[in-house]
Each structure stands twice: as C-alpha cells, then as structure tokens.
Amino acid sequence: MFVYVYPPDKRKRDLDNILKVMQDAICDGLRIDDSYIVMVCAIRCQIVSGGMVEIIFTECNADEWIEEHGGCQTDRLMKFGFLTQDR
C-alpha cells in the first residue's frame, strides 16, 4: 500500500496518524482484511490546495515499484487537476 499525502498547508502533520485511519477505512470499504497488507509506504508530498491523499494498492516488488514510480511528481498532481502547466 503506497500512500501519497499532499497536505493543504504548511502545518505539521504526522504521517502515521493518517495511515491507520486510511488503511482501516479503505479495507473496510473493499471488504478485505487489512492483515493482507504486508507493506505500507507513506510519502509526504508538496502542498496542494485543499489537500489530497492518493492510495495505491499493488501486488508487486516494492523496490521495483519505487524505482519505476518514484516519489511525488508534478505529473501526478497534473493528473488529478491540482496543477496546470502555467503554475
């Protein structure tokens, strides 16, 4: 489970406080036991107006995933409409 956290402002936030709530809520919604999650990777990203959390569940080698997809990327924000070319 990869969690990309885009905070709404510069206030301090603990990533671990976000993880448990997100994991429990999503697993409950998908009706899966959260014990199936064997790895959680939380990445603090750049500030986005209104804030955003992107969660990706994947069945793959974690090292390969991180190498291919990396951390926070501008194109990820553009994908969700939080950034445009002129910002």
N, C-alpha and C. Protein backbone atom coordinates (compact mmCIF):
# COMPACT_ATOMS: atom_id res chain seq x y z
N MET A 1 0.85 -1.16 0.00
CA MET A 1 0.00 0.00 0.00
C MET A 1 0.90 1.23 0.00
N PHE A 2 0.77 2.06 -1.02
CA PHE A 2 1.52 3.31 -1.12
C PHE A 2 0.58 4.46 -0.83
N VAL A 3 0.97 5.34 0.07
CA VAL A 3 0.14 6.47 0.45
C VAL A 3 0.92 7.75 0.14
N TYR A 4 0.40 8.53 -0.79
CA TYR A 4 1.00 9.82 -1.15
C TYR A 4 0.14 10.89 -0.48
N VAL A 5 0.72 11.63 0.46
CA VAL A 5 -0.02 12.63 1.22
C VAL A 5 0.38 14.02 0.74
N TYR A 6 -0.60 14.74 0.20
CA TYR A 6 -0.41 16.11 -0.28
C TYR A 6 -1.14 17.03 0.71
N PRO A 7 -0.42 17.61 1.68
CA PRO A 7 -1.09 18.43 2.69
C PRO A 7 -1.66 19.73 2.11
N PRO A 8 -2.69 20.29 2.78
CA PRO A 8 -3.30 21.52 2.28
C PRO A 8 -2.53 22.78 2.68
N ASP A 9 -1.61 22.67 3.64
CA ASP A 9 -0.86 23.83 4.09
C ASP A 9 0.43 23.37 4.76
N LYS A 10 1.17 24.31 5.33
CA LYS A 10 2.48 24.02 5.92
C LYS A 10 2.43 23.53 7.37
N ARG A 11 1.24 23.40 7.95
CA ARG A 11 1.16 22.92 9.34
C ARG A 11 1.78 21.54 9.47
N LYS A 12 2.36 21.27 10.63
CA LYS A 12 2.97 19.96 10.88
C LYS A 12 1.89 18.89 10.99
N ARG A 13 2.13 17.76 10.34
CA ARG A 13 1.21 16.63 10.41
C ARG A 13 2.04 15.34 10.51
N ASP A 14 1.57 14.43 11.32
CA ASP A 14 2.25 13.13 11.44
C ASP A 14 1.66 12.17 10.43
N LEU A 15 2.52 11.60 9.58
CA LEU A 15 2.04 10.65 8.57
C LEU A 15 1.42 9.42 9.21
N ASP A 16 1.95 8.97 10.34
CA ASP A 16 1.43 7.75 10.95
C ASP A 16 -0.01 7.91 11.43
N ASN A 17 -0.42 9.13 11.77
CA ASN A 17 -1.81 9.34 12.16
C ASN A 17 -2.76 9.17 10.98
N ILE A 18 -2.30 9.48 9.80
CA ILE A 18 -3.12 9.36 8.60
C ILE A 18 -3.22 7.89 8.16
N LEU A 19 -2.13 7.17 8.30
CA LEU A 19 -2.05 5.80 7.76
C LEU A 19 -3.10 4.85 8.32
N LYS A 20 -3.21 4.76 9.62
CA LYS A 20 -4.12 3.78 10.23
C LYS A 20 -5.57 4.05 9.83
N VAL A 21 -5.96 5.31 9.87
CA VAL A 21 -7.34 5.67 9.52
C VAL A 21 -7.62 5.31 8.05
N MET A 22 -6.71 5.68 7.17
CA MET A 22 -6.89 5.39 5.74
C MET A 22 -6.94 3.90 5.48
N GLN A 23 -6.00 3.18 6.04
CA GLN A 23 -5.93 1.74 5.82
C GLN A 23 -7.21 1.05 6.31
N ASP A 24 -7.65 1.37 7.49
CA ASP A 24 -8.86 0.75 8.04
C ASP A 24 -10.09 1.09 7.20
N ALA A 25 -10.23 2.36 6.83
CA ALA A 25 -11.40 2.79 6.06
C ALA A 25 -11.44 2.14 4.68
N ILE A 26 -10.32 2.11 4.02
CA ILE A 26 -10.30 1.54 2.67
C ILE A 26 -10.51 0.03 2.70
N CYS A 27 -9.83 -0.64 3.59
CA CYS A 27 -10.00 -2.10 3.68
C CYS A 27 -11.43 -2.46 4.06
N ASP A 28 -12.04 -1.67 4.94
CA ASP A 28 -13.43 -1.90 5.30
C ASP A 28 -14.33 -1.70 4.09
N GLY A 29 -14.08 -0.63 3.34
CA GLY A 29 -14.89 -0.35 2.14
C GLY A 29 -14.74 -1.41 1.07
N LEU A 30 -13.53 -1.97 0.94
CA LEU A 30 -13.28 -3.02 -0.05
C LEU A 30 -13.64 -4.40 0.49
N ARG A 31 -14.00 -4.45 1.77
CA ARG A 31 -14.34 -5.71 2.44
C ARG A 31 -13.20 -6.72 2.39
N ILE A 32 -12.00 -6.20 2.68
CA ILE A 32 -10.84 -7.09 2.77
C ILE A 32 -10.23 -6.93 4.17
N ASP A 33 -9.57 -7.95 4.62
CA ASP A 33 -8.90 -7.94 5.91
C ASP A 33 -7.59 -7.17 5.76
N ASP A 34 -7.38 -6.14 6.56
CA ASP A 34 -6.17 -5.34 6.40
C ASP A 34 -4.89 -6.10 6.78
N SER A 35 -5.02 -7.30 7.29
CA SER A 35 -3.82 -8.11 7.55
C SER A 35 -3.17 -8.59 6.25
N TYR A 36 -3.87 -8.47 5.12
CA TYR A 36 -3.30 -8.84 3.82
C TYR A 36 -2.26 -7.81 3.36
N ILE A 37 -2.28 -6.63 3.94
CA ILE A 37 -1.31 -5.62 3.56
C ILE A 37 0.00 -5.93 4.26
N VAL A 38 1.05 -6.16 3.49
CA VAL A 38 2.33 -6.54 4.07
C VAL A 38 3.34 -5.40 4.09
N MET A 39 3.05 -4.32 3.38
CA MET A 39 3.95 -3.19 3.37
C MET A 39 3.16 -1.91 3.17
N VAL A 40 3.52 -0.89 3.92
CA VAL A 40 2.90 0.43 3.76
C VAL A 40 4.03 1.42 3.57
N CYS A 41 3.92 2.21 2.51
CA CYS A 41 4.91 3.24 2.23
C CYS A 41 4.18 4.58 2.20
N ALA A 42 4.53 5.47 3.11
CA ALA A 42 3.91 6.79 3.16
C ALA A 42 4.91 7.83 2.69
N ILE A 43 4.47 8.68 1.77
CA ILE A 43 5.34 9.70 1.20
C ILE A 43 4.66 11.05 1.35
N ARG A 44 5.34 11.96 2.03
CA ARG A 44 4.83 13.33 2.17
C ARG A 44 5.19 14.07 0.89
N CYS A 45 4.20 14.67 0.27
CA CYS A 45 4.40 15.35 -0.99
C CYS A 45 4.22 16.85 -0.83
N GLN A 46 4.25 17.55 -1.94
CA GLN A 46 4.12 19.01 -1.90
C GLN A 46 2.72 19.43 -1.51
N ILE A 47 2.60 20.66 -1.07
CA ILE A 47 1.32 21.23 -0.64
C ILE A 47 0.40 21.37 -1.86
N VAL A 48 -0.87 21.00 -1.66
CA VAL A 48 -1.89 21.11 -2.70
C VAL A 48 -3.10 21.78 -2.07
N SER A 49 -3.65 22.75 -2.75
CA SER A 49 -4.83 23.44 -2.25
C SER A 49 -5.94 22.45 -1.92
N GLY A 50 -6.43 22.48 -0.69
CA GLY A 50 -7.47 21.55 -0.27
C GLY A 50 -6.95 20.23 0.23
N GLY A 51 -5.68 19.91 -0.04
CA GLY A 51 -5.08 18.65 0.38
C GLY A 51 -5.57 17.47 -0.43
N MET A 52 -4.82 16.40 -0.41
CA MET A 52 -5.20 15.19 -1.15
C MET A 52 -4.38 14.02 -0.61
N VAL A 53 -4.99 12.86 -0.61
CA VAL A 53 -4.29 11.63 -0.30
C VAL A 53 -4.54 10.68 -1.45
N GLU A 54 -3.48 10.14 -2.02
CA GLU A 54 -3.59 9.16 -3.10
C GLU A 54 -3.09 7.84 -2.54
N ILE A 55 -3.90 6.79 -2.68
CA ILE A 55 -3.53 5.48 -2.16
C ILE A 55 -3.51 4.48 -3.30
N ILE A 56 -2.42 3.74 -3.37
CA ILE A 56 -2.26 2.75 -4.43
C ILE A 56 -2.00 1.40 -3.77
N PHE A 57 -2.86 0.44 -4.07
CA PHE A 57 -2.63 -0.94 -3.66
C PHE A 57 -2.01 -1.65 -4.84
N THR A 58 -0.97 -2.39 -4.59
CA THR A 58 -0.32 -3.10 -5.69
C THR A 58 0.24 -4.43 -5.19
N GLU A 59 0.27 -5.35 -6.08
CA GLU A 59 0.90 -6.63 -5.80
C GLU A 59 2.15 -6.68 -6.67
N CYS A 60 3.24 -6.24 -6.08
CA CYS A 60 4.49 -6.20 -6.84
C CYS A 60 5.66 -6.10 -5.87
N ASN A 61 6.85 -6.13 -6.43
CA ASN A 61 8.05 -5.94 -5.66
C ASN A 61 8.16 -4.46 -5.31
N ALA A 62 8.21 -4.13 -4.04
CA ALA A 62 8.21 -2.73 -3.60
C ALA A 62 9.40 -1.95 -4.16
N ASP A 63 10.57 -2.56 -4.19
CA ASP A 63 11.75 -1.85 -4.70
C ASP A 63 11.57 -1.49 -6.17
N GLU A 64 11.02 -2.41 -6.95
CA GLU A 64 10.78 -2.14 -8.37
C GLU A 64 9.75 -1.03 -8.55
N TRP A 65 8.69 -1.06 -7.73
CA TRP A 65 7.64 -0.04 -7.84
C TRP A 65 8.20 1.35 -7.57
N ILE A 66 8.95 1.49 -6.49
CA ILE A 66 9.50 2.79 -6.12
C ILE A 66 10.47 3.28 -7.20
N GLU A 67 11.28 2.38 -7.72
CA GLU A 67 12.22 2.76 -8.78
C GLU A 67 11.47 3.26 -10.02
N GLU A 68 10.38 2.59 -10.37
CA GLU A 68 9.62 2.95 -11.56
C GLU A 68 8.77 4.20 -11.35
N HIS A 69 8.10 4.30 -10.20
CA HIS A 69 7.12 5.37 -9.99
C HIS A 69 7.64 6.51 -9.13
N GLY A 70 8.63 6.26 -8.33
CA GLY A 70 9.25 7.30 -7.53
C GLY A 70 8.33 7.93 -6.50
N GLY A 71 8.77 9.07 -6.02
CA GLY A 71 8.01 9.79 -5.01
C GLY A 71 7.01 10.73 -5.65
N CYS A 72 6.83 11.87 -5.05
CA CYS A 72 5.86 12.85 -5.52
C CYS A 72 6.35 13.46 -6.83
N GLN A 73 5.49 13.50 -7.78
CA GLN A 73 5.87 14.01 -9.09
C GLN A 73 4.85 15.02 -9.55
N THR A 74 5.32 16.02 -10.26
CA THR A 74 4.44 17.05 -10.77
C THR A 74 3.36 16.46 -11.66
N ASP A 75 3.70 15.46 -12.47
CA ASP A 75 2.69 14.88 -13.37
C ASP A 75 1.57 14.18 -12.60
N ARG A 76 1.85 13.71 -11.38
CA ARG A 76 0.79 13.11 -10.57
C ARG A 76 -0.24 14.18 -10.20
N LEU A 77 0.26 15.37 -9.83
CA LEU A 77 -0.66 16.46 -9.48
C LEU A 77 -1.44 16.93 -10.70
N MET A 78 -0.78 16.98 -11.85
CA MET A 78 -1.46 17.39 -13.08
C MET A 78 -2.55 16.37 -13.44
N LYS A 79 -2.25 15.09 -13.21
CA LYS A 79 -3.21 14.03 -13.50
C LYS A 79 -4.53 14.25 -12.77
N PHE A 80 -4.45 14.74 -11.53
CA PHE A 80 -5.65 14.95 -10.73
C PHE A 80 -6.17 16.38 -10.81
N GLY A 81 -5.57 17.21 -11.67
CA GLY A 81 -6.06 18.56 -11.89
C GLY A 81 -5.67 19.55 -10.81
N PHE A 82 -4.68 19.21 -9.99
CA PHE A 82 -4.27 20.14 -8.94
C PHE A 82 -3.19 21.11 -9.43
N LEU A 83 -2.55 20.80 -10.53
CA LEU A 83 -1.57 21.69 -11.13
C LEU A 83 -1.86 21.80 -12.62
N THR A 84 -1.53 22.94 -13.17
CA THR A 84 -1.61 23.11 -14.62
C THR A 84 -0.24 23.53 -15.11
N GLN A 85 -0.04 23.52 -16.40
CA GLN A 85 1.27 23.85 -16.98
C GLN A 85 1.77 25.21 -16.56
N ASP A 86 0.87 26.19 -16.36
CA ASP A 86 1.31 27.55 -16.07
C ASP A 86 1.58 27.82 -14.60
N ARG A 87 1.40 26.86 -13.69
CA ARG A 87 1.68 27.07 -12.25
C ARG A 87 3.11 26.76 -11.93
